[in-house]
mmCIF file of all heavy atoms, coordinates in Angstrom:
data_MODEL
# 
_entry.id   MODEL 
# 
loop_
_atom_site.group_PDB 
_atom_site.id 
_atom_site.type_symbol 
_atom_site.label_atom_id 
_atom_site.label_alt_id 
_atom_site.label_comp_id 
_atom_site.label_asym_id 
_atom_site.label_entity_id 
_atom_site.label_seq_id 
_atom_site.pdbx_PDB_ins_code 
_atom_site.Cartn_x 
_atom_site.Cartn_y 
_atom_site.Cartn_z 
_atom_site.occupancy 
_atom_site.B_iso_or_equiv 
_atom_site.pdbx_formal_charge 
_atom_site.auth_seq_id 
_atom_site.auth_comp_id 
_atom_site.auth_asym_id 
_atom_site.auth_atom_id 
_atom_site.pdbx_PDB_model_num 
ATOM 1   N N   . ARG A 1 1  ? 135.095 60.032 127.134 1.00 0.00 ? 1  ARG A N   1 
ATOM 2   C CA  . ARG A 1 1  ? 136.403 59.391 127.266 1.00 0.00 ? 1  ARG A CA  1 
ATOM 3   C C   . ARG A 1 1  ? 137.336 60.022 126.237 1.00 0.00 ? 1  ARG A C   1 
ATOM 4   O O   . ARG A 1 1  ? 137.269 59.711 125.042 1.00 0.00 ? 1  ARG A O   1 
ATOM 5   C CB  . ARG A 1 1  ? 136.287 57.877 127.038 1.00 0.00 ? 1  ARG A CB  1 
ATOM 6   C CG  . ARG A 1 1  ? 135.547 57.148 128.138 1.00 0.00 ? 1  ARG A CG  1 
ATOM 7   C CD  . ARG A 1 1  ? 135.445 55.674 127.823 1.00 0.00 ? 1  ARG A CD  1 
ATOM 8   N NE  . ARG A 1 1  ? 136.774 55.074 127.652 1.00 0.00 ? 1  ARG A NE  1 
ATOM 9   C CZ  . ARG A 1 1  ? 136.978 53.892 127.066 1.00 0.00 ? 1  ARG A CZ  1 
ATOM 10  N NH1 . ARG A 1 1  ? 135.954 53.197 126.590 1.00 0.00 ? 1  ARG A NH1 1 
ATOM 11  N NH2 . ARG A 1 1  ? 138.207 53.412 126.952 1.00 0.00 ? 1  ARG A NH2 1 
ATOM 12  N N   . LEU A 1 2  ? 138.183 60.897 126.691 1.00 0.00 ? 2  LEU A N   1 
ATOM 13  C CA  . LEU A 1 2  ? 139.127 61.591 125.822 1.00 0.00 ? 2  LEU A CA  1 
ATOM 14  C C   . LEU A 1 2  ? 140.499 60.940 125.911 1.00 0.00 ? 2  LEU A C   1 
ATOM 15  O O   . LEU A 1 2  ? 141.062 60.796 126.997 1.00 0.00 ? 2  LEU A O   1 
ATOM 16  C CB  . LEU A 1 2  ? 139.225 63.072 126.226 1.00 0.00 ? 2  LEU A CB  1 
ATOM 17  C CG  . LEU A 1 2  ? 140.272 63.919 125.495 1.00 0.00 ? 2  LEU A CG  1 
ATOM 18  C CD1 . LEU A 1 2  ? 139.972 63.986 123.988 1.00 0.00 ? 2  LEU A CD1 1 
ATOM 19  C CD2 . LEU A 1 2  ? 140.313 65.325 126.090 1.00 0.00 ? 2  LEU A CD2 1 
ATOM 20  N N   . MET A 1 3  ? 141.012 60.528 124.753 1.00 0.00 ? 3  MET A N   1 
ATOM 21  C CA  . MET A 1 3  ? 142.322 59.881 124.704 1.00 0.00 ? 3  MET A CA  1 
ATOM 22  C C   . MET A 1 3  ? 143.416 60.942 124.542 1.00 0.00 ? 3  MET A C   1 
ATOM 23  O O   . MET A 1 3  ? 143.378 61.731 123.600 1.00 0.00 ? 3  MET A O   1 
ATOM 24  C CB  . MET A 1 3  ? 142.386 58.886 123.533 1.00 0.00 ? 3  MET A CB  1 
ATOM 25  C CG  . MET A 1 3  ? 141.201 57.940 123.470 1.00 0.00 ? 3  MET A CG  1 
ATOM 26  S SD  . MET A 1 3  ? 140.981 56.980 124.992 1.00 0.00 ? 3  MET A SD  1 
ATOM 27  C CE  . MET A 1 3  ? 139.459 56.105 124.629 1.00 0.00 ? 3  MET A CE  1 
ATOM 28  N N   . LYS A 1 4  ? 144.382 60.944 125.459 1.00 0.00 ? 4  LYS A N   1 
ATOM 29  C CA  . LYS A 1 4  ? 145.433 61.953 125.423 1.00 0.00 ? 4  LYS A CA  1 
ATOM 30  C C   . LYS A 1 4  ? 146.827 61.378 125.154 1.00 0.00 ? 4  LYS A C   1 
ATOM 31  O O   . LYS A 1 4  ? 147.786 62.123 124.978 1.00 0.00 ? 4  LYS A O   1 
ATOM 32  C CB  . LYS A 1 4  ? 145.450 62.729 126.751 1.00 0.00 ? 4  LYS A CB  1 
ATOM 33  C CG  . LYS A 1 4  ? 144.157 63.485 127.028 1.00 0.00 ? 4  LYS A CG  1 
ATOM 34  C CD  . LYS A 1 4  ? 144.244 64.244 128.339 1.00 0.00 ? 4  LYS A CD  1 
ATOM 35  C CE  . LYS A 1 4  ? 142.960 65.008 128.619 1.00 0.00 ? 4  LYS A CE  1 
ATOM 36  N NZ  . LYS A 1 4  ? 143.040 65.759 129.902 1.00 0.00 ? 4  LYS A NZ  1 
ATOM 37  N N   . GLU A 1 5  ? 146.915 60.063 125.130 1.00 0.00 ? 5  GLU A N   1 
ATOM 38  C CA  . GLU A 1 5  ? 148.220 59.430 124.914 1.00 0.00 ? 5  GLU A CA  1 
ATOM 39  C C   . GLU A 1 5  ? 148.096 58.244 123.957 1.00 0.00 ? 5  GLU A C   1 
ATOM 40  O O   . GLU A 1 5  ? 147.007 57.700 123.741 1.00 0.00 ? 5  GLU A O   1 
ATOM 41  C CB  . GLU A 1 5  ? 148.798 58.958 126.251 1.00 0.00 ? 5  GLU A CB  1 
ATOM 42  C CG  . GLU A 1 5  ? 149.069 60.088 127.236 1.00 0.00 ? 5  GLU A CG  1 
ATOM 43  C CD  . GLU A 1 5  ? 149.612 59.578 128.559 1.00 0.00 ? 5  GLU A CD  1 
ATOM 44  O OE1 . GLU A 1 5  ? 149.694 58.329 128.717 1.00 0.00 ? 5  GLU A OE1 1 
ATOM 45  O OE2 . GLU A 1 5  ? 149.944 60.400 129.425 1.00 0.00 ? 5  GLU A OE2 1 
ATOM 46  N N   . GLY A 1 6  ? 149.242 57.847 123.417 1.00 0.00 ? 6  GLY A N   1 
ATOM 47  C CA  . GLY A 1 6  ? 149.288 56.659 122.577 1.00 0.00 ? 6  GLY A CA  1 
ATOM 48  C C   . GLY A 1 6  ? 148.670 56.864 121.204 1.00 0.00 ? 6  GLY A C   1 
ATOM 49  O O   . GLY A 1 6  ? 148.471 57.988 120.739 1.00 0.00 ? 6  GLY A O   1 
ATOM 50  N N   . ARG A 1 7  ? 148.339 55.733 120.587 1.00 0.00 ? 7  ARG A N   1 
ATOM 51  C CA  . ARG A 1 7  ? 147.798 55.779 119.223 1.00 0.00 ? 7  ARG A CA  1 
ATOM 52  C C   . ARG A 1 7  ? 146.421 56.435 119.159 1.00 0.00 ? 7  ARG A C   1 
ATOM 53  O O   . ARG A 1 7  ? 146.005 56.917 118.114 1.00 0.00 ? 7  ARG A O   1 
ATOM 54  C CB  . ARG A 1 7  ? 147.715 54.346 118.681 1.00 0.00 ? 7  ARG A CB  1 
ATOM 55  C CG  . ARG A 1 7  ? 149.076 53.673 118.519 1.00 0.00 ? 7  ARG A CG  1 
ATOM 56  C CD  . ARG A 1 7  ? 148.908 52.224 118.118 1.00 0.00 ? 7  ARG A CD  1 
ATOM 57  N NE  . ARG A 1 7  ? 148.154 52.113 116.873 1.00 0.00 ? 7  ARG A NE  1 
ATOM 58  C CZ  . ARG A 1 7  ? 147.722 50.956 116.378 1.00 0.00 ? 7  ARG A CZ  1 
ATOM 59  N NH1 . ARG A 1 7  ? 147.947 49.824 117.051 1.00 0.00 ? 7  ARG A NH1 1 
ATOM 60  N NH2 . ARG A 1 7  ? 147.066 50.916 115.252 1.00 0.00 ? 7  ARG A NH2 1 
ATOM 61  N N   . MET A 1 8  ? 145.691 56.417 120.242 1.00 0.00 ? 8  MET A N   1 
ATOM 62  C CA  . MET A 1 8  ? 144.334 56.975 120.267 1.00 0.00 ? 8  MET A CA  1 
ATOM 63  C C   . MET A 1 8  ? 144.315 58.463 120.620 1.00 0.00 ? 8  MET A C   1 
ATOM 64  O O   . MET A 1 8  ? 143.252 59.051 120.777 1.00 0.00 ? 8  MET A O   1 
ATOM 65  C CB  . MET A 1 8  ? 143.481 56.207 121.279 1.00 0.00 ? 8  MET A CB  1 
ATOM 66  C CG  . MET A 1 8  ? 143.274 54.749 120.939 1.00 0.00 ? 8  MET A CG  1 
ATOM 67  S SD  . MET A 1 8  ? 142.261 54.531 119.462 1.00 0.00 ? 8  MET A SD  1 
ATOM 68  C CE  . MET A 1 8  ? 140.652 54.988 120.097 1.00 0.00 ? 8  MET A CE  1 
ATOM 69  N N   . LYS A 1 9  ? 145.477 59.047 120.730 1.00 0.00 ? 9  LYS A N   1 
ATOM 70  C CA  . LYS A 1 9  ? 145.552 60.470 121.086 1.00 0.00 ? 9  LYS A CA  1 
ATOM 71  C C   . LYS A 1 9  ? 144.806 61.327 120.058 1.00 0.00 ? 9  LYS A C   1 
ATOM 72  O O   . LYS A 1 9  ? 144.916 61.108 118.856 1.00 0.00 ? 9  LYS A O   1 
ATOM 73  C CB  . LYS A 1 9  ? 147.025 60.909 121.150 1.00 0.00 ? 9  LYS A CB  1 
ATOM 74  C CG  . LYS A 1 9  ? 147.221 62.326 121.655 1.00 0.00 ? 9  LYS A CG  1 
ATOM 75  C CD  . LYS A 1 9  ? 148.700 62.640 121.747 1.00 0.00 ? 9  LYS A CD  1 
ATOM 76  C CE  . LYS A 1 9  ? 148.930 64.060 122.270 1.00 0.00 ? 9  LYS A CE  1 
ATOM 77  N NZ  . LYS A 1 9  ? 150.376 64.391 122.374 1.00 0.00 ? 9  LYS A NZ  1 
ATOM 78  N N   . GLY A 1 10 ? 144.052 62.307 120.563 1.00 0.00 ? 10 GLY A N   1 
ATOM 79  C CA  . GLY A 1 10 ? 143.275 63.177 119.668 1.00 0.00 ? 10 GLY A CA  1 
ATOM 80  C C   . GLY A 1 10 ? 141.938 62.590 119.276 1.00 0.00 ? 10 GLY A C   1 
ATOM 81  O O   . GLY A 1 10 ? 141.294 63.067 118.341 1.00 0.00 ? 10 GLY A O   1 
ATOM 82  N N   . GLN A 1 11 ? 141.511 61.557 120.018 1.00 0.00 ? 11 GLN A N   1 
ATOM 83  C CA  . GLN A 1 11 ? 140.222 60.928 119.738 1.00 0.00 ? 11 GLN A CA  1 
ATOM 84  C C   . GLN A 1 11 ? 139.412 60.845 121.033 1.00 0.00 ? 11 GLN A C   1 
ATOM 85  O O   . GLN A 1 11 ? 139.961 60.920 122.123 1.00 0.00 ? 11 GLN A O   1 
ATOM 86  C CB  . GLN A 1 11 ? 140.435 59.525 119.159 1.00 0.00 ? 11 GLN A CB  1 
ATOM 87  C CG  . GLN A 1 11 ? 141.270 59.527 117.881 1.00 0.00 ? 11 GLN A CG  1 
ATOM 88  C CD  . GLN A 1 11 ? 141.590 58.128 117.418 1.00 0.00 ? 11 GLN A CD  1 
ATOM 89  O OE1 . GLN A 1 11 ? 140.698 57.311 117.263 1.00 0.00 ? 11 GLN A OE1 1 
ATOM 90  N NE2 . GLN A 1 11 ? 142.871 57.842 117.202 1.00 0.00 ? 11 GLN A NE2 1 
ATOM 91  N N   . ALA A 1 12 ? 138.107 60.674 120.862 1.00 0.00 ? 12 ALA A N   1 
ATOM 92  C CA  . ALA A 1 12 ? 137.242 60.594 122.052 1.00 0.00 ? 12 ALA A CA  1 
ATOM 93  C C   . ALA A 1 12 ? 136.003 59.769 121.753 1.00 0.00 ? 12 ALA A C   1 
ATOM 94  O O   . ALA A 1 12 ? 135.546 59.692 120.600 1.00 0.00 ? 12 ALA A O   1 
ATOM 95  C CB  . ALA A 1 12 ? 136.845 61.997 122.500 1.00 0.00 ? 12 ALA A CB  1 
ATOM 96  N N   . PHE A 1 13 ? 135.479 59.163 122.798 1.00 0.00 ? 13 PHE A N   1 
ATOM 97  C CA  . PHE A 1 13 ? 134.205 58.442 122.719 1.00 0.00 ? 13 PHE A CA  1 
ATOM 98  C C   . PHE A 1 13 ? 133.238 59.140 123.678 1.00 0.00 ? 13 PHE A C   1 
ATOM 99  O O   . PHE A 1 13 ? 133.574 59.391 124.833 1.00 0.00 ? 13 PHE A O   1 
ATOM 100 C CB  . PHE A 1 13 ? 134.373 56.970 123.106 1.00 0.00 ? 13 PHE A CB  1 
ATOM 101 C CG  . PHE A 1 13 ? 135.159 56.178 122.114 1.00 0.00 ? 13 PHE A CG  1 
ATOM 102 C CD1 . PHE A 1 13 ? 136.538 56.035 122.257 1.00 0.00 ? 13 PHE A CD1 1 
ATOM 103 C CD2 . PHE A 1 13 ? 134.529 55.579 121.026 1.00 0.00 ? 13 PHE A CD2 1 
ATOM 104 C CE1 . PHE A 1 13 ? 137.276 55.302 121.344 1.00 0.00 ? 13 PHE A CE1 1 
ATOM 105 C CE2 . PHE A 1 13 ? 135.264 54.849 120.103 1.00 0.00 ? 13 PHE A CE2 1 
ATOM 106 C CZ  . PHE A 1 13 ? 136.632 54.711 120.254 1.00 0.00 ? 13 PHE A CZ  1 
ATOM 107 N N   . ILE A 1 14 ? 132.055 59.414 123.171 1.00 0.00 ? 14 ILE A N   1 
ATOM 108 C CA  . ILE A 1 14 ? 131.071 60.148 123.979 1.00 0.00 ? 14 ILE A CA  1 
ATOM 109 C C   . ILE A 1 14 ? 129.761 59.371 124.004 1.00 0.00 ? 14 ILE A C   1 
ATOM 110 O O   . ILE A 1 14 ? 129.179 59.066 122.959 1.00 0.00 ? 14 ILE A O   1 
ATOM 111 C CB  . ILE A 1 14 ? 130.829 61.562 123.414 1.00 0.00 ? 14 ILE A CB  1 
ATOM 112 C CG1 . ILE A 1 14 ? 132.161 62.334 123.412 1.00 0.00 ? 14 ILE A CG1 1 
ATOM 113 C CG2 . ILE A 1 14 ? 129.775 62.301 124.228 1.00 0.00 ? 14 ILE A CG2 1 
ATOM 114 C CD1 . ILE A 1 14 ? 132.099 63.670 122.708 1.00 0.00 ? 14 ILE A CD1 1 
ATOM 115 N N   . GLY A 1 15 ? 129.318 59.038 125.208 1.00 0.00 ? 15 GLY A N   1 
ATOM 116 C CA  . GLY A 1 15 ? 128.048 58.344 125.373 1.00 0.00 ? 15 GLY A CA  1 
ATOM 117 C C   . GLY A 1 15 ? 126.928 59.342 125.610 1.00 0.00 ? 15 GLY A C   1 
ATOM 118 O O   . GLY A 1 15 ? 127.026 60.211 126.470 1.00 0.00 ? 15 GLY A O   1 
ATOM 119 N N   . LEU A 1 16 ? 125.862 59.206 124.831 1.00 0.00 ? 16 LEU A N   1 
ATOM 120 C CA  . LEU A 1 16 ? 124.706 60.099 124.943 1.00 0.00 ? 16 LEU A CA  1 
ATOM 121 C C   . LEU A 1 16 ? 123.467 59.303 125.365 1.00 0.00 ? 16 LEU A C   1 
ATOM 122 O O   . LEU A 1 16 ? 123.466 58.062 125.265 1.00 0.00 ? 16 LEU A O   1 
ATOM 123 C CB  . LEU A 1 16 ? 124.477 60.820 123.609 1.00 0.00 ? 16 LEU A CB  1 
ATOM 124 C CG  . LEU A 1 16 ? 125.579 61.825 123.242 1.00 0.00 ? 16 LEU A CG  1 
ATOM 125 C CD1 . LEU A 1 16 ? 125.442 62.292 121.800 1.00 0.00 ? 16 LEU A CD1 1 
ATOM 126 C CD2 . LEU A 1 16 ? 125.566 63.026 124.179 1.00 0.00 ? 16 LEU A CD2 1 
ATOM 127 N N   . PRO A 1 17 ? 122.433 59.965 125.843 1.00 0.00 ? 17 PRO A N   1 
ATOM 128 C CA  . PRO A 1 17 ? 121.275 59.271 126.423 1.00 0.00 ? 17 PRO A CA  1 
ATOM 129 C C   . PRO A 1 17 ? 120.578 58.306 125.469 1.00 0.00 ? 17 PRO A C   1 
ATOM 130 O O   . PRO A 1 17 ? 120.057 57.284 125.905 1.00 0.00 ? 17 PRO A O   1 
ATOM 131 C CB  . PRO A 1 17 ? 120.332 60.422 126.807 1.00 0.00 ? 17 PRO A CB  1 
ATOM 132 C CG  . PRO A 1 17 ? 121.235 61.601 126.984 1.00 0.00 ? 17 PRO A CG  1 
ATOM 133 C CD  . PRO A 1 17 ? 122.327 61.422 125.990 1.00 0.00 ? 17 PRO A CD  1 
ATOM 134 N N   . ASN A 1 18 ? 120.531 58.633 124.194 1.00 0.00 ? 18 ASN A N   1 
ATOM 135 C CA  . ASN A 1 18 ? 119.818 57.772 123.254 1.00 0.00 ? 18 ASN A CA  1 
ATOM 136 C C   . ASN A 1 18 ? 120.331 57.991 121.825 1.00 0.00 ? 18 ASN A C   1 
ATOM 137 O O   . ASN A 1 18 ? 121.147 58.882 121.569 1.00 0.00 ? 18 ASN A O   1 
ATOM 138 C CB  . ASN A 1 18 ? 118.304 58.030 123.318 1.00 0.00 ? 18 ASN A CB  1 
ATOM 139 C CG  . ASN A 1 18 ? 117.986 59.518 123.207 1.00 0.00 ? 18 ASN A CG  1 
ATOM 140 O OD1 . ASN A 1 18 ? 118.309 60.175 122.211 1.00 0.00 ? 18 ASN A OD1 1 
ATOM 141 N ND2 . ASN A 1 18 ? 117.355 60.061 124.252 1.00 0.00 ? 18 ASN A ND2 1 
ATOM 142 N N   . GLU A 1 19 ? 119.851 57.176 120.934 1.00 0.00 ? 19 GLU A N   1 
ATOM 143 C CA  . GLU A 1 19 ? 120.293 57.228 119.534 1.00 0.00 ? 19 GLU A CA  1 
ATOM 144 C C   . GLU A 1 19 ? 119.892 58.537 118.859 1.00 0.00 ? 19 GLU A C   1 
ATOM 145 O O   . GLU A 1 19 ? 120.635 59.075 118.036 1.00 0.00 ? 19 GLU A O   1 
ATOM 146 C CB  . GLU A 1 19 ? 119.681 56.040 118.781 1.00 0.00 ? 19 GLU A CB  1 
ATOM 147 C CG  . GLU A 1 19 ? 120.195 55.866 117.366 1.00 0.00 ? 19 GLU A CG  1 
ATOM 148 C CD  . GLU A 1 19 ? 119.601 54.641 116.693 1.00 0.00 ? 19 GLU A CD  1 
ATOM 149 O OE1 . GLU A 1 19 ? 119.809 53.526 117.218 1.00 0.00 ? 19 GLU A OE1 1 
ATOM 150 O OE2 . GLU A 1 19 ? 118.942 54.793 115.643 1.00 0.00 ? 19 GLU A OE2 1 
ATOM 151 N N   . LYS A 1 20 ? 118.728 59.052 119.222 1.00 0.00 ? 20 LYS A N   1 
ATOM 152 C CA  . LYS A 1 20 ? 118.257 60.308 118.630 1.00 0.00 ? 20 LYS A CA  1 
ATOM 153 C C   . LYS A 1 20 ? 119.197 61.460 118.979 1.00 0.00 ? 20 LYS A C   1 
ATOM 154 O O   . LYS A 1 20 ? 119.541 62.291 118.130 1.00 0.00 ? 20 LYS A O   1 
ATOM 155 C CB  . LYS A 1 20 ? 116.843 60.617 119.134 1.00 0.00 ? 20 LYS A CB  1 
ATOM 156 C CG  . LYS A 1 20 ? 116.235 61.876 118.530 1.00 0.00 ? 20 LYS A CG  1 
ATOM 157 C CD  . LYS A 1 20 ? 114.825 62.095 119.050 1.00 0.00 ? 20 LYS A CD  1 
ATOM 158 C CE  . LYS A 1 20 ? 114.224 63.371 118.476 1.00 0.00 ? 20 LYS A CE  1 
ATOM 159 N NZ  . LYS A 1 20 ? 112.842 63.605 119.009 1.00 0.00 ? 20 LYS A NZ  1 
ATOM 160 N N   . ALA A 1 21 ? 119.622 61.530 120.245 1.00 0.00 ? 21 ALA A N   1 
ATOM 161 C CA  . ALA A 1 21 ? 120.542 62.584 120.684 1.00 0.00 ? 21 ALA A CA  1 
ATOM 162 C C   . ALA A 1 21 ? 121.885 62.443 119.982 1.00 0.00 ? 21 ALA A C   1 
ATOM 163 O O   . ALA A 1 21 ? 122.504 63.431 119.572 1.00 0.00 ? 21 ALA A O   1 
ATOM 164 C CB  . ALA A 1 21 ? 120.718 62.529 122.200 1.00 0.00 ? 21 ALA A CB  1 
ATOM 165 N N   . ALA A 1 22 ? 122.338 61.188 119.827 1.00 0.00 ? 22 ALA A N   1 
ATOM 166 C CA  . ALA A 1 22 ? 123.614 60.948 119.150 1.00 0.00 ? 22 ALA A CA  1 
ATOM 167 C C   . ALA A 1 22 ? 123.548 61.359 117.683 1.00 0.00 ? 22 ALA A C   1 
ATOM 168 O O   . ALA A 1 22 ? 124.493 61.947 117.143 1.00 0.00 ? 22 ALA A O   1 
ATOM 169 C CB  . ALA A 1 22 ? 123.988 59.469 119.275 1.00 0.00 ? 22 ALA A CB  1 
ATOM 170 N N   . ALA A 1 23 ? 122.437 61.062 117.033 1.00 0.00 ? 23 ALA A N   1 
ATOM 171 C CA  . ALA A 1 23 ? 122.272 61.422 115.624 1.00 0.00 ? 23 ALA A CA  1 
ATOM 172 C C   . ALA A 1 23 ? 122.265 62.939 115.442 1.00 0.00 ? 23 ALA A C   1 
ATOM 173 O O   . ALA A 1 23 ? 122.854 63.472 114.491 1.00 0.00 ? 23 ALA A O   1 
ATOM 174 C CB  . ALA A 1 23 ? 120.975 60.822 115.085 1.00 0.00 ? 23 ALA A CB  1 
ATOM 175 N N   . LYS A 1 24 ? 121.608 63.632 116.363 1.00 0.00 ? 24 LYS A N   1 
ATOM 176 C CA  . LYS A 1 24 ? 121.565 65.098 116.299 1.00 0.00 ? 24 LYS A CA  1 
ATOM 177 C C   . LYS A 1 24 ? 122.954 65.691 116.547 1.00 0.00 ? 24 LYS A C   1 
ATOM 178 O O   . LYS A 1 24 ? 123.365 66.639 115.874 1.00 0.00 ? 24 LYS A O   1 
ATOM 179 C CB  . LYS A 1 24 ? 120.578 65.632 117.337 1.00 0.00 ? 24 LYS A CB  1 
ATOM 180 C CG  . LYS A 1 24 ? 120.332 67.135 117.212 1.00 0.00 ? 24 LYS A CG  1 
ATOM 181 C CD  . LYS A 1 24 ? 119.269 67.590 118.202 1.00 0.00 ? 24 LYS A CD  1 
ATOM 182 C CE  . LYS A 1 24 ? 119.019 69.078 118.036 1.00 0.00 ? 24 LYS A CE  1 
ATOM 183 N NZ  . LYS A 1 24 ? 118.020 69.583 119.014 1.00 0.00 ? 24 LYS A NZ  1 
ATOM 184 N N   . ALA A 1 25 ? 123.686 65.106 117.494 1.00 0.00 ? 25 ALA A N   1 
ATOM 185 C CA  . ALA A 1 25 ? 125.037 65.582 117.794 1.00 0.00 ? 25 ALA A CA  1 
ATOM 186 C C   . ALA A 1 25 ? 125.948 65.394 116.595 1.00 0.00 ? 25 ALA A C   1 
ATOM 187 O O   . ALA A 1 25 ? 126.753 66.270 116.251 1.00 0.00 ? 25 ALA A O   1 
ATOM 188 C CB  . ALA A 1 25 ? 125.588 64.831 119.004 1.00 0.00 ? 25 ALA A CB  1 
# 
């Protein structure tokens, strides 16, 4: 989820398969 407008512009939320993958990322 990439934010392109408003106050959240330049930010993103990325869902990964599990906590281990997120920690490595």
